[in-house]
Amino acid sequence: MERSRLLFPLVILSTVALLMGATVYFYFEGLVEPAPTLEAVPVPSLELKKPGDLDLGGLFMIGHWANTPVASTTALIKEHHFGGVIIMSGPGDPLEIAEWVKEWKAASERPLIIAIDQEGGPVSRLKGTGFITTGQRDIETTKEAYQVGFKRGQELASLGINMNFAPVLDTAKNPDSFMFERVFPDGSEAAALAVAMGKGMEDAGVTPVAKHFPGHDDTTDDSHFTLPTVSISKNELPDFTTNFTDYLKTEPLALMTAHVLFPQIDSYPATLSHFFLTDYLRGELKFAGVIVTDDMSMNAIDSTWSTDQAALISLQAGADLILFAAEPNSALTALKRLEFAVATGELTAADAEAKNTRIDSLRQPLD
């Protein structure tokens, strides 16, 4: 009994201590804010979008040379969904090209643009028996221009080639000009001859792409090696571009740009110029077709700009289809740059889709 009396106060004190400790614990726990729930911050995807989603590979055309394994070009088309191939040189047996094209088309998820520079004269990728190599300087009448265009178109179409980067609408009267042998004769109606030649190619199933807008000057400066300049003002531009403005009245499907600087008009060469591609060509001249760049691997461009940055600038300026002919693997770096540009808003998804829509309208009759 005495022992119970001694233990009872201890039990009471222990109970009180436990209750006070619990009170203190819950009091201080109430002062500590719970850790915030962290929501995932959306990060723009930089993965290549496939056809049907945002399609950036379709904005590129890559070059293929006869000594390049066909499988390597096939792999680029299949993996990166590039929109076209330009044949830069032919094999010993040109009929092999038809097999190349068959393999490339099978790897593509869209009608594939297969292009070539078959101008005739000095720029003829395919030569020899079975290929007409008449140059533009040897053509004097629209009838002859049509016949040459139609025959050339038949030859290309038989191999599966559906686009030809011709005719050439630059002007050259100086025999020393690097363009002299590639243009129509002095004093001729160049635009009319170009329209007739283009019509011949179209009737044979090949899309013509006139070049090089807004034109090279009559100079020895070759844009493959340096950046040519033309010293004219905006007021002089209509006279300088007469061949193109007359040609554009027929509403062609596509046009190729020139790597030429007009320093009194813009600090960028025409291929990278918002003024020339958007303000002048689209705005003033009302061209609604596909704007194709000349090869971005040429020294006129890559001696000053990295090819990936040049590709972005050109698209921002108004170009639709970027050409990497001499260095097809450069398209991979440029593609990554475009993915990042879309993710960061430098190039809007809507703009990229609009370019694809124009190119798709060009593809429709190709298959």
Protein backbone atom coordinates (compact mmCIF):
# COMPACT_ATOMS: atom_id res chain seq x y z
CA MET A 1 0.00 0.00 0.00
CA GLU A 2 2.80 2.36 0.95
CA ARG A 3 4.59 1.45 -2.26
CA SER A 4 1.48 2.25 -4.30
CA ARG A 5 1.27 5.65 -2.67
CA LEU A 6 4.85 6.32 -3.74
CA LEU A 7 4.29 5.14 -7.32
CA PHE A 8 1.04 7.06 -7.89
CA PRO A 9 2.67 10.56 -8.00
CA LEU A 10 5.36 9.22 -10.36
CA VAL A 11 2.69 7.92 -12.75
CA ILE A 12 0.87 11.25 -12.63
CA LEU A 13 4.11 13.19 -13.32
CA SER A 14 5.05 10.88 -16.21
CA THR A 15 1.65 11.29 -17.79
CA VAL A 16 1.82 15.07 -17.50
CA ALA A 17 5.31 15.07 -19.04
CA LEU A 18 4.17 12.98 -21.97
CA LEU A 19 1.20 15.27 -22.60
CA MET A 20 3.38 18.38 -22.47
CA GLY A 21 5.94 16.84 -24.87
CA ALA A 22 3.23 15.94 -27.33
CA THR A 23 1.82 19.46 -27.14
CA VAL A 24 5.23 21.00 -27.77
CA TYR A 25 5.87 18.62 -30.71
CA PHE A 26 2.58 19.34 -32.43
CA TYR A 27 2.96 23.07 -31.78
CA PHE A 28 6.35 23.31 -33.41
CA GLU A 29 5.40 20.93 -36.22
CA GLY A 30 2.56 23.35 -37.01
CA LEU A 31 5.13 26.14 -37.44
CA VAL A 32 7.07 24.22 -40.12
CA GLU A 33 5.54 24.65 -43.59
CA PRO A 34 5.29 21.49 -45.62
CA ALA A 35 7.73 21.22 -48.57
CA PRO A 36 6.10 22.63 -51.71
CA THR A 37 5.03 20.23 -54.43
CA LEU A 38 7.25 20.94 -57.45
CA GLU A 39 5.44 20.79 -60.75
CA ALA A 40 7.41 19.73 -63.85
CA VAL A 41 8.40 22.71 -65.97
CA PRO A 42 7.70 21.98 -69.63
CA VAL A 43 10.88 21.98 -71.73
CA PRO A 44 10.60 22.49 -75.49
CA SER A 45 11.34 19.26 -77.30
CA LEU A 46 14.34 19.45 -79.59
CA GLU A 47 13.66 16.11 -81.23
CA LEU A 48 13.11 15.95 -84.96
CA LYS A 49 9.43 15.99 -85.77
CA LYS A 50 8.29 13.48 -88.36
CA PRO A 51 5.98 14.19 -91.29
CA GLY A 52 2.48 14.91 -90.03
CA ASP A 53 3.89 16.90 -87.11
CA LEU A 54 6.37 19.77 -87.37
CA ASP A 55 8.52 18.80 -90.33
CA LEU A 56 11.90 20.50 -90.49
CA GLY A 57 13.80 17.91 -92.55
CA GLY A 58 11.50 18.69 -95.46
CA LEU A 59 13.08 22.15 -95.69
CA PHE A 60 16.40 20.66 -96.89
CA MET A 61 17.74 19.23 -100.13
CA ILE A 62 21.03 17.34 -100.00
CA GLY A 63 23.59 16.56 -102.69
CA HIS A 64 24.59 13.15 -103.98
CA TRP A 65 27.77 12.48 -105.94
CA ALA A 66 28.46 9.43 -108.09
CA ASN A 67 31.24 8.31 -105.73
CA THR A 68 28.96 8.56 -102.67
CA PRO A 69 27.49 5.25 -101.48
CA VAL A 70 23.82 5.30 -102.39
CA ALA A 71 23.02 3.73 -99.02
CA SER A 72 24.43 6.73 -97.15
CA THR A 73 22.06 9.13 -98.93
CA THR A 74 19.21 6.67 -98.39
CA ALA A 75 19.97 6.62 -94.66
CA LEU A 76 19.90 10.43 -94.44
CA ILE A 77 16.50 10.52 -96.16
CA LYS A 78 15.06 7.80 -93.96
CA GLU A 79 16.40 9.06 -90.65
CA HIS A 80 16.07 12.82 -91.11
CA HIS A 81 13.20 13.04 -93.61
CA PHE A 82 15.08 15.35 -95.95
CA GLY A 83 12.85 16.74 -98.65
CA GLY A 84 14.97 16.20 -101.72
CA VAL A 85 18.21 15.15 -103.37
CA ILE A 86 20.22 16.98 -106.01
CA ILE A 87 22.39 14.74 -108.20
CA MET A 88 25.76 16.44 -108.51
CA SER A 89 27.45 13.95 -110.84
CA GLY A 90 26.33 10.96 -112.84
CA PRO A 91 27.67 7.39 -112.78
CA GLY A 92 29.43 5.75 -115.71
CA ASP A 93 26.10 4.30 -116.72
CA PRO A 94 23.49 7.04 -116.23
CA LEU A 95 20.75 4.41 -116.17
CA GLU A 96 21.93 3.58 -112.65
CA ILE A 97 20.36 6.85 -111.54
CA ALA A 98 16.93 5.30 -111.95
CA GLU A 99 17.92 2.67 -109.37
CA TRP A 100 19.21 5.36 -107.00
CA VAL A 101 15.94 7.22 -107.27
CA LYS A 102 13.89 4.08 -106.72
CA GLU A 103 15.77 3.35 -103.49
CA TRP A 104 15.51 6.94 -102.23
CA LYS A 105 11.80 7.17 -102.93
CA ALA A 106 11.19 3.91 -101.08
CA ALA A 107 12.95 5.39 -98.03
CA SER A 108 10.94 8.62 -98.08
CA GLU A 109 7.60 9.20 -96.36
CA ARG A 110 6.65 11.86 -98.91
CA PRO A 111 6.97 12.45 -102.65
CA LEU A 112 10.68 13.13 -103.02
CA ILE A 113 12.16 15.96 -105.08
CA ILE A 114 14.99 14.64 -107.25
CA ALA A 115 16.85 17.56 -108.81
CA ILE A 116 19.85 18.22 -111.02
CA ASP A 117 21.78 21.09 -112.64
CA GLN A 118 21.27 20.20 -116.29
CA GLU A 119 21.50 23.65 -117.85
CA GLY A 120 23.21 22.48 -121.01
CA GLY A 121 26.55 23.87 -122.14
CA PRO A 122 29.26 23.93 -119.46
CA VAL A 123 26.90 22.95 -116.64
CA SER A 124 25.65 19.55 -117.73
CA ARG A 125 25.84 16.88 -115.03
CA LEU A 126 24.86 14.21 -117.53
CA LYS A 127 26.73 14.05 -120.81
CA GLY A 128 27.38 11.66 -123.62
CA THR A 129 25.11 9.66 -125.89
CA GLY A 130 21.45 10.18 -125.13
CA PHE A 131 21.77 13.62 -123.54
CA ILE A 132 21.23 16.92 -125.28
CA THR A 133 23.84 19.40 -124.09
CA THR A 134 22.80 22.45 -126.10
CA GLY A 135 23.69 25.52 -124.06
CA GLN A 136 21.45 28.53 -123.57
CA ARG A 137 23.83 30.78 -125.48
CA ASP A 138 23.14 28.67 -128.58
CA ILE A 139 19.36 29.14 -128.38
CA GLU A 140 17.82 32.03 -130.28
CA THR A 141 14.11 31.28 -130.73
CA THR A 142 11.31 30.27 -128.39
CA LYS A 143 10.59 27.27 -130.60
CA GLU A 144 14.13 26.03 -130.18
CA ALA A 145 14.03 26.78 -126.45
CA TYR A 146 10.88 24.70 -126.07
CA GLN A 147 12.31 21.80 -128.06
CA VAL A 148 15.52 21.76 -126.02
CA GLY A 149 13.54 21.99 -122.77
CA PHE A 150 11.17 19.21 -123.77
CA LYS A 151 13.95 16.86 -124.94
CA ARG A 152 15.99 17.57 -121.81
CA GLY A 153 12.93 17.01 -119.65
CA GLN A 154 12.25 13.65 -121.27
CA GLU A 155 15.83 12.54 -120.64
CA LEU A 156 15.66 13.52 -116.98
CA ALA A 157 12.17 12.17 -116.35
CA SER A 158 13.20 8.77 -117.75
CA LEU A 159 15.69 8.53 -114.88
CA GLY A 160 13.23 9.62 -112.21
CA ILE A 161 14.55 13.19 -112.00
CA ASN A 162 11.62 15.58 -111.53
CA MET A 163 13.28 18.99 -111.08
CA ASN A 164 15.92 20.86 -113.07
CA PHE A 165 17.72 23.96 -111.77
CA ALA A 166 17.42 25.81 -115.07
CA PRO A 167 17.03 28.04 -117.02
CA VAL A 168 19.59 30.67 -116.07
CA LEU A 169 18.21 34.23 -116.14
CA ASP A 170 21.33 36.15 -115.16
CA THR A 171 22.81 38.57 -117.70
CA ALA A 172 26.38 38.42 -118.99
CA LYS A 173 27.82 40.27 -121.97
CA ASN A 174 31.44 40.07 -120.89
CA PRO A 175 33.12 36.91 -122.27
CA ASP A 176 35.27 36.82 -119.14
CA SER A 177 32.20 36.57 -116.91
CA PHE A 178 31.81 33.20 -115.23
CA MET A 179 28.15 33.29 -116.31
CA PHE A 180 28.80 34.14 -119.98
CA GLU A 181 28.48 30.60 -121.42
CA ARG A 182 25.48 29.80 -119.23
CA VAL A 183 23.05 32.56 -120.27
CA PHE A 184 20.89 33.32 -123.29
CA PRO A 185 22.50 35.35 -126.14
CA ASP A 186 23.05 39.08 -125.86
CA GLY A 187 20.05 41.07 -127.03
CA SER A 188 17.68 38.12 -126.85
CA GLU A 189 14.33 38.11 -125.08
CA ALA A 190 15.74 36.09 -122.20
CA ALA A 191 12.49 35.87 -120.24
CA ALA A 192 10.53 34.61 -123.27
CA LEU A 193 13.21 32.00 -124.02
CA ALA A 194 13.22 30.94 -120.37
CA VAL A 195 9.44 30.58 -120.32
CA ALA A 196 9.52 28.45 -123.47
CA MET A 197 12.32 26.25 -122.17
CA GLY A 198 10.57 25.84 -118.84
CA LYS A 199 7.30 24.94 -120.57
CA GLY A 200 9.11 22.24 -122.51
CA MET A 201 10.48 20.72 -119.31
CA GLU A 202 7.08 20.91 -117.60
CA ASP A 203 5.40 19.16 -120.53
CA ALA A 204 7.94 16.36 -120.13
CA GLY A 205 7.22 16.03 -116.41
CA VAL A 206 10.11 18.05 -114.95
CA THR A 207 9.73 21.21 -112.85
CA PRO A 208 12.04 24.03 -114.00
CA VAL A 209 13.64 26.32 -111.42
CA ALA A 210 14.96 29.54 -112.93
CA LYS A 211 18.03 31.13 -111.31
CA HIS A 212 19.74 33.14 -109.77
CA PHE A 213 17.40 35.82 -108.37
CA PRO A 214 17.89 38.80 -108.41
CA GLY A 215 20.83 38.17 -110.73
CA HIS A 216 24.62 38.12 -110.90
CA ASP A 217 26.41 41.10 -112.33
CA ASP A 218 28.50 40.89 -115.50
CA THR A 219 31.67 40.05 -113.59
CA THR A 220 34.39 37.44 -113.19
CA ASP A 221 33.55 37.08 -109.48
CA ASP A 222 32.25 33.53 -109.05
CA SER A 223 30.08 32.93 -105.98
CA HIS A 224 31.52 29.43 -105.65
CA PHE A 225 34.74 31.09 -104.52
CA THR A 226 33.89 34.62 -103.36
CA LEU A 227 30.94 36.90 -102.61
CA PRO A 228 30.16 38.99 -105.70
CA THR A 229 28.83 42.52 -105.22
CA VAL A 230 26.52 44.63 -107.35
CA SER A 231 26.68 48.38 -106.75
CA ILE A 232 23.18 49.56 -107.59
CA SER A 233 20.51 51.37 -105.60
CA LYS A 234 16.91 50.37 -105.00
CA ASN A 235 15.85 52.75 -107.75
CA GLU A 236 18.00 50.82 -110.23
CA LEU A 237 16.71 47.42 -109.13
CA PRO A 238 13.72 47.18 -111.55
CA ASP A 239 16.01 47.57 -114.57
CA PHE A 240 18.52 45.10 -113.15
CA THR A 241 15.86 42.43 -112.53
CA THR A 242 13.92 42.81 -115.80
CA ASN A 243 14.52 39.19 -116.88
CA PHE A 244 13.09 37.92 -113.60
CA THR A 245 10.16 40.30 -113.36
CA ASP A 246 9.07 39.38 -116.90
CA TYR A 247 9.52 35.68 -116.19
CA LEU A 248 7.53 35.89 -112.94
CA LYS A 249 4.45 37.07 -114.83
CA THR A 250 3.91 33.42 -115.81
CA GLU A 251 3.70 32.42 -112.11
CA PRO A 252 6.44 29.76 -111.99
CA LEU A 253 6.42 27.17 -109.23
CA ALA A 254 9.94 27.82 -107.93
CA LEU A 255 12.92 30.16 -108.14
CA MET A 256 16.54 29.91 -106.98
CA THR A 257 18.36 32.71 -105.15
CA ALA A 258 21.74 34.31 -105.83
CA HIS A 259 24.64 34.55 -103.39
CA VAL A 260 25.23 38.17 -104.40
CA LEU A 261 25.62 41.24 -102.18
CA PHE A 262 23.94 44.55 -103.04
CA PRO A 263 25.67 46.78 -100.46
CA GLN A 264 23.62 49.90 -101.27
CA ILE A 265 20.44 47.94 -100.58
CA ASP A 266 21.19 45.43 -97.82
CA SER A 267 24.08 44.24 -95.70
CA TYR A 268 23.17 40.60 -96.39
CA PRO A 269 23.55 38.82 -99.74
CA ALA A 270 20.25 38.14 -101.53
CA THR A 271 20.01 34.55 -100.28
CA LEU A 272 20.00 35.83 -96.69
CA SER A 273 18.17 39.09 -97.31
CA HIS A 274 14.68 39.76 -95.94
CA PHE A 275 14.42 42.70 -98.31
CA PHE A 276 15.11 40.66 -101.45
CA LEU A 277 13.21 37.50 -100.54
CA THR A 278 10.23 38.89 -98.63
CA ASP A 279 9.85 42.60 -99.29
CA TYR A 280 10.81 42.59 -102.96
CA LEU A 281 10.22 39.06 -104.33
CA ARG A 282 7.14 38.13 -102.29
CA GLY A 283 5.82 41.63 -101.64
CA GLU A 284 6.48 43.77 -104.69
CA LEU A 285 6.80 41.06 -107.36
CA LYS A 286 4.03 38.90 -105.84
CA PHE A 287 5.90 35.61 -106.18
CA ALA A 288 3.96 32.88 -104.37
CA GLY A 289 6.08 29.85 -105.31
CA VAL A 290 8.94 28.05 -103.56
CA ILE A 291 12.14 29.98 -102.93
CA VAL A 292 15.13 27.63 -103.19
CA THR A 293 18.60 28.75 -102.08
CA ASP A 294 21.72 28.21 -104.09
CA ASP A 295 24.16 25.80 -102.43
CA MET A 296 24.88 27.00 -98.89
CA SER A 297 28.30 25.31 -99.02
CA MET A 298 29.63 27.87 -101.51
CA ASN A 299 32.36 30.25 -100.35
CA ALA A 300 30.14 33.26 -100.93
CA ILE A 301 28.23 32.13 -97.84
CA ASP A 302 30.36 29.85 -95.70
CA SER A 303 33.41 32.13 -95.75
CA THR A 304 31.42 34.56 -93.58
CA TRP A 305 28.61 32.60 -91.92
CA SER A 306 28.53 29.09 -90.52
CA THR A 307 26.28 27.01 -92.74
CA ASP A 308 23.84 26.25 -89.92
CA GLN A 309 23.46 29.92 -89.05
CA ALA A 310 23.16 30.85 -92.73
CA ALA A 311 20.36 28.30 -93.14
CA LEU A 312 18.42 29.88 -90.28
CA ILE A 313 18.98 33.44 -91.52
CA SER A 314 17.83 32.45 -95.00
CA LEU A 315 14.63 30.85 -93.72
CA GLN A 316 13.95 33.88 -91.53
CA ALA A 317 14.52 36.06 -94.60
CA GLY A 318 11.92 34.16 -96.62
CA ALA A 319 13.56 31.11 -98.26
CA ASP A 320 11.68 27.81 -98.23
CA LEU A 321 14.08 25.09 -99.37
CA ILE A 322 17.73 25.08 -98.25
CA LEU A 323 20.24 23.45 -100.55
CA PHE A 324 23.32 21.61 -99.26
CA ALA A 325 24.75 20.22 -102.47
CA ALA A 326 28.52 20.02 -102.04
CA GLU A 327 28.42 19.21 -98.31
CA PRO A 328 25.27 17.17 -97.62
CA ASN A 329 26.29 16.32 -94.07
CA SER A 330 26.20 20.03 -93.22
CA ALA A 331 22.42 19.68 -93.39
CA LEU A 332 22.57 17.65 -90.16
CA THR A 333 24.10 20.54 -88.21
CA ALA A 334 21.70 22.99 -89.82
CA LEU A 335 18.75 20.77 -88.94
CA LYS A 336 19.75 20.74 -85.28
CA ARG A 337 20.07 24.52 -85.38
CA LEU A 338 16.55 24.82 -86.78
CA GLU A 339 15.13 22.51 -84.13
CA PHE A 340 16.61 24.78 -81.48
CA ALA A 341 15.39 27.88 -83.32
CA VAL A 342 11.82 26.60 -83.32
CA ALA A 343 12.07 25.64 -79.65
CA THR A 344 13.26 29.14 -78.73
CA GLY A 345 10.99 31.05 -81.09
CA GLU A 346 13.68 32.30 -83.47
CA LEU A 347 11.71 30.54 -86.20
CA THR A 348 8.03 30.05 -85.51
CA ALA A 349 6.33 26.72 -86.03
CA ALA A 350 3.71 28.49 -88.14
CA ASP A 351 6.40 29.86 -90.46
CA ALA A 352 8.01 26.43 -90.82
CA GLU A 353 4.62 24.91 -91.63
CA ALA A 354 3.91 27.60 -94.22
CA LYS A 355 7.19 26.78 -95.95
CA ASN A 356 6.36 23.08 -95.92
CA THR A 357 2.95 23.81 -97.37
CA ARG A 358 4.50 25.63 -100.31
CA ILE A 359 7.01 22.84 -100.87
CA ASP A 360 4.26 20.20 -100.60
CA SER A 361 2.30 21.95 -103.34
CA LEU A 362 5.42 21.54 -105.47
CA ARG A 363 5.64 17.83 -104.62
CA GLN A 364 2.06 16.92 -105.49
CA PRO A 365 2.62 16.43 -109.23
CA LEU A 366 5.99 14.74 -108.71
CA ASP A 367 4.86 11.20 -107.88
